[in-house]
Amino acid sequence: AARCSPLARALGRYFSLELFVDRDDPLAAAGFTPAVDEPERLAEFLPTVYLACPHGVFPYGAIVWCCYCRWGCGIWQYTGAADVVKRVPGLRYMHSLIWVVSAGKRSIVRALRERCAPSS
């Protein structure tokens, strides 16, 4: 998968990502531990919508998070974006890293329904 590719690792090394995790928070307690894969844990809080603060044209931090979110959250995430992102030279090549879905209601609902299954 592109998210585990040399490009993803290079982005993670160049744009270092530092996380502060509150282990007392039930949503974050299992993050980056073997417990992140327990189906019961996922069933407790899925579907989940994460939020990224507004950013520039090329959101390096958000892209790096997409590459590593699986180990922090237990699931791969989709990224809602305007449809034009899929057509902009340069940005369209990042699609395989950030799994862009249209920011429209139908696409978001479809993505959330897909993530409801803890076995996914």
Foldseek 3Di string as FASTA:
>chain_A
DVLPDPVLVVLCVVVPDDDDFDLVDLQQVCALHPCLLDLVSLLVDAPDDDDDDDDDPDPSRLLNCQSVVCRRRVDRDADEDDPCLCVDPPSVVSCVRRVYDHNDPVRVVVRRVVSNRSVD
